[in-house]
Amino acid sequence: MTSGLLPLLQVLRNPGSMSGMSDDAWDLVLRQAASAGLLGRLGALATQMCPSEDLPAAAKTRMQSAMTLAGQQHRAVVWELAQLSRAMADLQGPVVLLKGAAYTAAGLAPAAGRTFSDIDILIPKTQLDAAEAALMLHGWHGNHHDAYEQRYYRDWMHELPPMTHIARQTVLDLHHNILPETARIKTRPDLLIAAARPLADHPRFSIPCPTDQVLHSTTHLFHEGEWGHGLRDLVDLDALLREYGRSPGFWNDLLGRARELGLGKPLFYGMRYCHRLLETPIPRETMEKCPQRPSPLAAWIMDRLFLPAFGTAHHTGHTTLSGVASLCLYVRSHWLRMPLGLLLPHLAKKSWQRRIKPLLDKPQGEVQVGMGGPPARSNDMPP
């Protein structure tokens, strides 16, 4: 258990407990929530579950600010979807929204108070060239111009290099799959696209069906190498499971779909940690019948990695295992993403670009030698 993150977890499990928290507890919970990208979500839970008079004024102000920002982002995304509808009007085939954009456009439970930095879209791979050309005509451009980075995305990954609108500076990720082409798990994006459900308010777009929303959420989370938003993504998954879990037949459908798509292992971990950390109500037989379920020993080992990682967004959630766990999960994410023959040259290339070349490019008098940690990952560089 990530004991350092327990105050925030306790609130997420039992939002009503916010009514009786001390000022010191509020201070810690708000700092942890802000670092985890959950301050708006916390505000939404407080609005739903707690009388306003029971909440400190300072806490209400901070949460309301986060909710206001989330509301502005949601309105901006809805407006951006209208622009994208025009840009992609002549594109053949479906256009599927993923993650935050899907939650917002469909008004799903994870959208409450959620903020995000880009719009994720899934289209058939055969439509990538046409989609990219249409978007460029409407002001979108790629951020990566290095030949190696272009090859990295276009030959190996599940998406094109991120695109940014030249005027609005909004960021778009154009996917043709939910896992890289070189990943150890081979997914069937055609099945996800075929089962997607159109949006009445945004007729150019669809969203994944409920089981596929859950499977994409678990797959994205448990193939990650960076865990700053790990708890936020787990909270998204918890909200989906609580919302859809009340529907008759959902759990059996979820297991069948996981088996069909070969995504049983990430589903198992998603359900395991939702239940353990957020007390998500999941039928025991669903856990026991999950396809590709890891052995008890493998699950025990992954607990030693995932549980500390969920607390790494804020320093008060760190444990003695946090650094080791984060490093192991970073290596694991690359191992899952690429075979060794591609992975080792890729890591060597990125090490050259990030560590060695900048030193060689500096004027001789500016070179500094130190023992600092690795540079922060930039959003405009492939992992």
Protein backbone atom coordinates (compact mmCIF):
# COMPACT_ATOMS: atom_id res chain seq x y z
CA MET A 1 0.00 0.00 0.00
CA THR A 2 1.27 3.47 -0.84
CA SER A 3 1.02 4.73 2.72
CA GLY A 4 2.30 8.20 1.89
CA LEU A 5 -0.64 8.73 -0.42
CA LEU A 6 -3.18 7.35 2.03
CA PRO A 7 -4.90 10.71 2.85
CA LEU A 8 -5.80 11.31 -0.80
CA LEU A 9 -6.79 7.68 -1.28
CA GLN A 10 -9.02 7.81 1.77
CA VAL A 11 -10.83 10.82 0.34
CA LEU A 12 -11.19 9.22 -3.09
CA ARG A 13 -12.61 6.08 -1.47
CA ASN A 14 -14.94 7.98 0.84
CA PRO A 15 -15.59 11.53 -0.43
CA GLY A 16 -17.94 12.18 2.47
CA SER A 17 -14.94 12.11 4.82
CA MET A 18 -13.96 15.56 3.53
CA SER A 19 -16.62 17.06 5.80
CA GLY A 20 -14.63 16.26 8.94
CA MET A 21 -11.02 16.81 7.85
CA SER A 22 -8.61 19.03 9.78
CA ASP A 23 -6.79 21.94 8.18
CA ASP A 24 -3.53 19.95 8.12
CA ALA A 25 -5.25 17.01 6.43
CA TRP A 26 -6.78 19.36 3.86
CA ASP A 27 -3.39 20.89 3.12
CA LEU A 28 -1.83 17.50 2.42
CA VAL A 29 -4.78 16.17 0.40
CA LEU A 30 -4.93 19.29 -1.79
CA ARG A 31 -1.19 19.19 -2.49
CA GLN A 32 -1.32 15.50 -3.38
CA ALA A 33 -4.39 15.98 -5.56
CA ALA A 34 -2.85 18.91 -7.42
CA SER A 35 0.32 16.95 -8.18
CA ALA A 36 -1.69 13.94 -9.35
CA GLY A 37 -3.93 16.02 -11.65
CA LEU A 38 -6.94 15.26 -9.46
CA LEU A 39 -7.78 18.60 -7.87
CA GLY A 40 -10.72 19.19 -10.20
CA ARG A 41 -11.95 15.64 -9.65
CA LEU A 42 -11.73 16.21 -5.89
CA GLY A 43 -13.83 19.35 -6.31
CA ALA A 44 -16.44 17.46 -8.28
CA LEU A 45 -16.63 14.79 -5.57
CA ALA A 46 -16.90 17.44 -2.84
CA THR A 47 -19.74 19.15 -4.71
CA GLN A 48 -21.61 15.85 -5.02
CA MET A 49 -20.97 14.40 -1.57
CA CYS A 50 -20.34 17.15 0.99
CA PRO A 51 -22.41 20.10 2.27
CA SER A 52 -20.70 23.31 1.25
CA GLU A 53 -20.72 24.66 4.81
CA ASP A 54 -18.63 21.69 5.98
CA LEU A 55 -15.69 22.58 3.71
CA PRO A 56 -13.01 25.18 4.58
CA ALA A 57 -13.18 28.33 2.45
CA ALA A 58 -9.59 27.99 1.26
CA ALA A 59 -10.14 24.38 0.14
CA LYS A 60 -13.35 25.31 -1.66
CA THR A 61 -11.55 28.13 -3.47
CA ARG A 62 -8.73 25.88 -4.68
CA MET A 63 -11.06 23.13 -5.82
CA GLN A 64 -13.41 25.58 -7.50
CA SER A 65 -10.49 27.08 -9.41
CA ALA A 66 -9.53 23.62 -10.66
CA MET A 67 -13.12 22.88 -11.64
CA THR A 68 -13.35 26.19 -13.48
CA LEU A 69 -10.20 25.35 -15.43
CA ALA A 70 -11.61 21.91 -16.25
CA GLY A 71 -14.86 23.49 -17.41
CA GLN A 72 -12.99 25.89 -19.67
CA GLN A 73 -11.02 23.01 -21.15
CA HIS A 74 -14.18 21.01 -21.75
CA ARG A 75 -15.79 23.91 -23.61
CA ALA A 76 -12.60 24.36 -25.63
CA VAL A 77 -12.56 20.66 -26.54
CA VAL A 78 -16.19 20.75 -27.69
CA TRP A 79 -15.39 23.79 -29.84
CA GLU A 80 -12.23 22.10 -31.16
CA LEU A 81 -14.24 19.04 -32.14
CA ALA A 82 -16.44 21.27 -34.27
CA GLN A 83 -13.34 22.52 -36.08
CA LEU A 84 -12.03 19.00 -36.51
CA SER A 85 -15.40 17.90 -37.88
CA ARG A 86 -14.97 20.37 -40.72
CA ALA A 87 -11.33 19.45 -41.27
CA MET A 88 -12.14 15.73 -41.48
CA ALA A 89 -15.52 15.99 -43.20
CA ASP A 90 -14.33 14.29 -46.40
CA LEU A 91 -12.38 11.54 -44.66
CA GLN A 92 -13.73 8.08 -45.37
CA GLY A 93 -14.64 5.89 -42.42
CA PRO A 94 -15.15 6.48 -38.69
CA VAL A 95 -13.22 8.84 -36.43
CA VAL A 96 -13.06 7.55 -32.84
CA LEU A 97 -12.33 9.79 -29.86
CA LEU A 98 -10.20 8.33 -27.08
CA LYS A 99 -9.61 9.03 -23.38
CA GLY A 100 -10.30 12.58 -22.16
CA ALA A 101 -11.87 13.84 -25.37
CA ALA A 102 -14.24 10.85 -25.43
CA TYR A 103 -15.21 11.31 -21.78
CA THR A 104 -15.91 14.99 -22.33
CA ALA A 105 -17.79 14.67 -25.62
CA ALA A 106 -20.03 11.90 -24.25
CA GLY A 107 -20.45 13.36 -20.76
CA LEU A 108 -19.08 10.22 -19.11
CA ALA A 109 -18.31 9.90 -15.40
CA PRO A 110 -14.50 10.39 -15.68
CA ALA A 111 -15.04 13.82 -17.26
CA ALA A 112 -16.09 15.44 -13.97
CA GLY A 113 -13.34 17.90 -13.05
CA ARG A 114 -10.84 16.23 -15.41
CA THR A 115 -8.16 18.22 -17.23
CA PHE A 116 -6.05 17.03 -20.15
CA SER A 117 -3.50 18.40 -22.58
CA ASP A 118 -4.41 16.94 -25.98
CA ILE A 119 -7.08 15.29 -28.10
CA ASP A 120 -6.63 11.64 -29.03
CA ILE A 121 -8.26 10.25 -32.17
CA LEU A 122 -8.26 6.71 -33.59
CA ILE A 123 -8.78 6.09 -37.32
CA PRO A 124 -8.07 3.15 -39.65
CA LYS A 125 -4.43 2.99 -40.68
CA THR A 126 -5.45 3.15 -44.33
CA GLN A 127 -6.80 6.66 -43.69
CA LEU A 128 -3.70 8.12 -42.02
CA ASP A 129 -2.31 9.85 -45.10
CA ALA A 130 -5.67 11.37 -46.04
CA ALA A 131 -6.32 12.48 -42.45
CA GLU A 132 -2.87 14.04 -42.06
CA ALA A 133 -3.22 15.91 -45.35
CA ALA A 134 -6.69 17.21 -44.42
CA LEU A 135 -5.48 18.38 -41.01
CA MET A 136 -2.47 20.15 -42.50
CA LEU A 137 -4.75 22.05 -44.87
CA HIS A 138 -6.67 23.28 -41.82
CA GLY A 139 -3.65 24.54 -39.89
CA TRP A 140 -2.28 21.50 -38.09
CA HIS A 141 1.42 20.71 -38.31
CA GLY A 142 3.78 18.10 -36.93
CA ASN A 143 6.30 18.91 -34.19
CA HIS A 144 8.97 16.35 -35.11
CA HIS A 145 11.22 16.97 -38.09
CA ASP A 146 14.20 14.75 -37.30
CA ALA A 147 14.34 11.79 -39.71
CA TYR A 148 14.82 9.27 -36.91
CA GLU A 149 11.84 10.57 -34.95
CA GLN A 150 9.68 10.42 -38.08
CA ARG A 151 10.69 6.80 -38.61
CA TYR A 152 10.12 6.04 -34.92
CA TYR A 153 6.51 7.19 -35.09
CA ARG A 154 5.54 6.16 -38.61
CA ASP A 155 7.16 2.72 -38.75
CA TRP A 156 7.02 1.51 -35.16
CA MET A 157 4.46 3.39 -33.12
CA HIS A 158 0.66 3.40 -32.99
CA GLU A 159 0.31 7.08 -33.84
CA LEU A 160 1.70 9.85 -36.02
CA PRO A 161 3.97 12.48 -34.48
CA PRO A 162 1.81 14.86 -32.40
CA MET A 163 0.24 17.70 -34.37
CA THR A 164 -0.28 21.26 -33.11
CA HIS A 165 -2.63 23.84 -34.59
CA ILE A 166 -0.62 26.78 -35.84
CA ALA A 167 -3.03 29.38 -34.43
CA ARG A 168 -4.83 27.75 -31.52
CA GLN A 169 -1.84 25.69 -30.26
CA THR A 170 -4.10 22.76 -29.43
CA VAL A 171 -2.39 19.36 -29.63
CA LEU A 172 -3.77 16.34 -31.49
CA ASP A 173 -2.57 12.73 -31.37
CA LEU A 174 -3.69 10.78 -34.43
CA HIS A 175 -3.74 7.04 -33.62
CA HIS A 176 -4.21 4.00 -35.84
CA ASN A 177 -3.88 1.52 -32.96
CA ILE A 178 -3.88 1.53 -29.16
CA LEU A 179 -0.46 -0.14 -28.85
CA PRO A 180 2.69 0.25 -30.98
CA GLU A 181 3.17 -1.83 -34.09
CA THR A 182 6.22 -3.39 -32.43
CA ALA A 183 4.50 -4.14 -29.09
CA ARG A 184 4.54 -7.63 -27.67
CA ILE A 185 0.74 -7.64 -27.44
CA LYS A 186 -0.84 -7.48 -30.89
CA THR A 187 -4.18 -5.70 -30.81
CA ARG A 188 -7.00 -5.49 -33.35
CA PRO A 189 -7.86 -1.83 -33.90
CA ASP A 190 -10.34 -2.80 -36.60
CA LEU A 191 -12.46 -4.51 -33.93
CA LEU A 192 -12.39 -1.43 -31.69
CA ILE A 193 -13.33 0.85 -34.58
CA ALA A 194 -16.11 -1.46 -35.79
CA ALA A 195 -17.71 -1.54 -32.31
CA ALA A 196 -17.44 2.22 -31.70
CA ARG A 197 -20.66 4.11 -31.03
CA PRO A 198 -21.52 7.37 -32.81
CA LEU A 199 -22.10 10.53 -30.79
CA ALA A 200 -25.44 12.23 -31.31
CA ASP A 201 -24.05 15.68 -30.46
CA HIS A 202 -20.92 15.22 -32.58
CA PRO A 203 -22.02 13.16 -35.58
CA ARG A 204 -18.57 13.07 -37.21
CA PHE A 205 -17.18 11.23 -34.19
CA SER A 206 -17.65 7.98 -32.31
CA ILE A 207 -16.38 6.71 -28.97
CA PRO A 208 -15.35 3.15 -28.06
CA CYS A 209 -18.08 0.90 -26.69
CA PRO A 210 -18.09 0.53 -22.87
CA THR A 211 -15.97 -2.62 -22.72
CA ASP A 212 -13.43 -1.12 -25.12
CA GLN A 213 -13.23 2.11 -23.10
CA VAL A 214 -12.24 0.06 -20.07
CA LEU A 215 -9.76 -2.07 -22.01
CA HIS A 216 -8.14 0.94 -23.64
CA SER A 217 -7.86 2.64 -20.26
CA THR A 218 -6.16 -0.38 -18.67
CA THR A 219 -3.91 -0.97 -21.66
CA HIS A 220 -2.76 2.65 -21.76
CA LEU A 221 -2.12 2.76 -18.01
CA PHE A 222 -0.25 -0.51 -17.61
CA HIS A 223 2.00 0.03 -20.61
CA GLU A 224 3.09 3.43 -19.30
CA GLY A 225 6.64 4.31 -18.34
CA GLU A 226 5.88 7.67 -16.75
CA TRP A 227 3.69 7.55 -13.63
CA GLY A 228 2.98 11.19 -12.84
CA HIS A 229 -0.64 10.71 -13.95
CA GLY A 230 -0.90 7.06 -12.97
CA LEU A 231 -3.32 7.64 -10.12
CA ARG A 232 -5.45 9.99 -12.21
CA ASP A 233 -5.75 7.33 -14.91
CA LEU A 234 -6.67 4.76 -12.27
CA VAL A 235 -9.39 7.13 -11.02
CA ASP A 236 -10.68 7.37 -14.60
CA LEU A 237 -10.81 3.59 -14.76
CA ASP A 238 -12.57 3.39 -11.41
CA ALA A 239 -15.25 5.80 -12.66
CA LEU A 240 -15.79 3.75 -15.83
CA LEU A 241 -16.08 0.48 -13.93
CA ARG A 242 -18.53 1.97 -11.43
CA GLU A 243 -20.64 3.51 -14.21
CA TYR A 244 -20.78 0.49 -16.50
CA GLY A 245 -20.57 -2.20 -13.82
CA ARG A 246 -24.23 -1.63 -12.93
CA SER A 247 -25.36 -2.70 -16.42
CA PRO A 248 -26.58 -6.31 -16.69
CA GLY A 249 -24.06 -8.55 -18.40
CA PHE A 250 -21.26 -5.97 -18.44
CA TRP A 251 -18.71 -8.03 -16.51
CA ASN A 252 -19.14 -11.12 -18.68
CA ASP A 253 -18.96 -8.96 -21.81
CA LEU A 254 -15.78 -7.33 -20.50
CA LEU A 255 -14.06 -10.68 -19.97
CA GLY A 256 -15.13 -11.91 -23.38
CA ARG A 257 -13.89 -8.77 -25.07
CA ALA A 258 -10.56 -8.93 -23.22
CA ARG A 259 -10.14 -12.49 -24.44
CA GLU A 260 -11.02 -11.50 -28.00
CA LEU A 261 -8.57 -8.58 -28.06
CA GLY A 262 -5.80 -10.31 -26.11
CA LEU A 263 -5.88 -7.67 -23.36
CA GLY A 264 -6.61 -9.84 -20.34
CA LYS A 265 -3.38 -9.07 -18.48
CA PRO A 266 -3.72 -5.26 -18.41
CA LEU A 267 -7.39 -5.71 -17.51
CA PHE A 268 -6.41 -7.90 -14.56
CA TYR A 269 -3.99 -5.29 -13.24
CA GLY A 270 -6.53 -2.51 -13.77
CA MET A 271 -9.20 -4.32 -11.80
CA ARG A 272 -6.70 -5.43 -9.13
CA TYR A 273 -5.46 -1.94 -8.32
CA CYS A 274 -8.83 -0.25 -8.67
CA HIS A 275 -10.17 -2.66 -6.07
CA ARG A 276 -7.14 -2.46 -3.76
CA LEU A 277 -6.58 1.31 -3.88
CA LEU A 278 -10.04 2.73 -4.61
CA GLU A 279 -12.27 -0.11 -3.40
CA THR A 280 -14.00 -0.35 -6.77
CA PRO A 281 -16.83 -2.91 -6.55
CA ILE A 282 -15.71 -5.72 -8.86
CA PRO A 283 -17.25 -9.20 -8.69
CA ARG A 284 -14.77 -11.71 -7.31
CA GLU A 285 -15.56 -14.21 -10.05
CA THR A 286 -14.66 -11.58 -12.65
CA MET A 287 -11.18 -11.30 -11.17
CA GLU A 288 -10.84 -15.08 -10.97
CA LYS A 289 -11.96 -15.66 -14.56
CA CYS A 290 -9.91 -12.86 -16.12
CA PRO A 291 -8.09 -14.22 -19.20
CA GLN A 292 -4.28 -14.18 -19.25
CA ARG A 293 -4.31 -13.72 -15.48
CA PRO A 294 -0.70 -13.71 -14.18
CA SER A 295 0.49 -16.25 -11.66
CA PRO A 296 0.28 -15.38 -7.94
CA LEU A 297 4.06 -14.90 -7.86
CA ALA A 298 4.01 -12.55 -10.86
CA ALA A 299 1.15 -10.55 -9.32
CA TRP A 300 3.05 -10.30 -6.04
CA ILE A 301 6.14 -9.00 -7.84
CA MET A 302 4.12 -6.43 -9.80
CA ASP A 303 2.50 -5.25 -6.55
CA ARG A 304 6.00 -4.31 -5.36
CA LEU A 305 6.30 -2.06 -8.44
CA PHE A 306 2.83 -0.71 -9.20
CA LEU A 307 1.72 0.14 -5.66
CA PRO A 308 4.67 2.48 -4.96
CA ALA A 309 4.40 3.95 -8.48
CA PHE A 310 0.85 5.15 -7.90
CA GLY A 311 2.18 7.41 -5.13
CA THR A 312 4.98 9.11 -7.05
CA ALA A 313 3.10 12.21 -8.24
CA HIS A 314 3.83 14.04 -4.96
CA HIS A 315 6.91 13.64 -2.77
CA THR A 316 4.78 12.82 0.30
CA GLY A 317 3.66 9.65 -1.47
CA HIS A 318 7.19 8.37 -2.03
CA THR A 319 8.43 5.27 -0.27
CA THR A 320 11.83 3.61 -0.11
CA LEU A 321 10.80 1.57 -3.16
CA SER A 322 9.50 4.45 -5.28
CA GLY A 323 12.71 5.14 -7.18
CA VAL A 324 13.42 1.49 -7.93
CA ALA A 325 9.79 0.86 -8.87
CA SER A 326 9.68 3.82 -11.26
CA LEU A 327 12.90 2.73 -12.95
CA CYS A 328 11.73 -0.86 -13.31
CA LEU A 329 8.38 0.22 -14.77
CA TYR A 330 10.12 2.57 -17.19
CA VAL A 331 12.28 -0.29 -18.44
CA ARG A 332 9.24 -2.58 -18.51
CA SER A 333 7.27 -0.13 -20.64
CA HIS A 334 10.02 -0.11 -23.27
CA TRP A 335 10.37 -3.89 -23.10
CA LEU A 336 6.64 -4.22 -23.80
CA ARG A 337 6.80 -1.63 -26.56
CA MET A 338 9.71 -2.85 -28.68
CA PRO A 339 11.71 -6.04 -29.26
CA LEU A 340 15.26 -6.02 -27.95
CA GLY A 341 16.78 -5.62 -31.42
CA LEU A 342 14.98 -2.28 -31.83
CA LEU A 343 14.96 -1.25 -28.19
CA LEU A 344 18.70 -1.18 -27.54
CA PRO A 345 19.59 0.96 -30.59
CA HIS A 346 16.62 3.22 -29.78
CA LEU A 347 17.75 3.80 -26.19
CA ALA A 348 21.30 4.41 -27.37
CA LYS A 349 20.03 6.96 -29.91
CA LYS A 350 17.93 8.79 -27.31
CA SER A 351 20.81 8.78 -24.83
CA TRP A 352 23.02 10.38 -27.48
CA GLN A 353 20.41 13.02 -28.29
CA ARG A 354 19.55 13.91 -24.69
CA ARG A 355 22.80 13.54 -22.79
CA ILE A 356 25.89 13.46 -24.97
CA LYS A 357 25.13 15.66 -27.98
CA PRO A 358 24.00 18.69 -25.89
CA LEU A 359 27.35 18.58 -24.07
CA LEU A 360 29.31 18.39 -27.32
CA ASP A 361 27.28 21.23 -28.83
CA LYS A 362 28.02 23.61 -25.94
CA PRO A 363 30.91 26.06 -26.18
CA GLN A 364 33.88 24.58 -24.36
CA GLY A 365 33.68 26.98 -21.44
CA GLU A 366 30.05 26.13 -20.70
CA VAL A 367 30.40 22.37 -20.24
CA GLN A 368 29.49 21.44 -16.69
CA VAL A 369 30.03 18.12 -15.00
CA GLY A 370 27.77 17.10 -12.14
CA MET A 371 25.88 14.33 -10.49
CA GLY A 372 22.35 15.52 -11.26
CA GLY A 373 19.59 13.14 -12.17
CA PRO A 374 18.26 12.54 -15.67
CA PRO A 375 16.65 15.50 -17.43
CA ALA A 376 12.88 15.74 -17.33
CA ARG A 377 11.20 14.10 -20.29
CA SER A 378 10.01 16.62 -22.84
CA ASN A 379 6.57 16.24 -24.35
CA ASP A 380 7.97 16.85 -27.81
CA MET A 381 10.37 13.90 -27.75
CA PRO A 382 9.45 10.28 -28.27
CA PRO A 383 10.06 8.09 -25.22
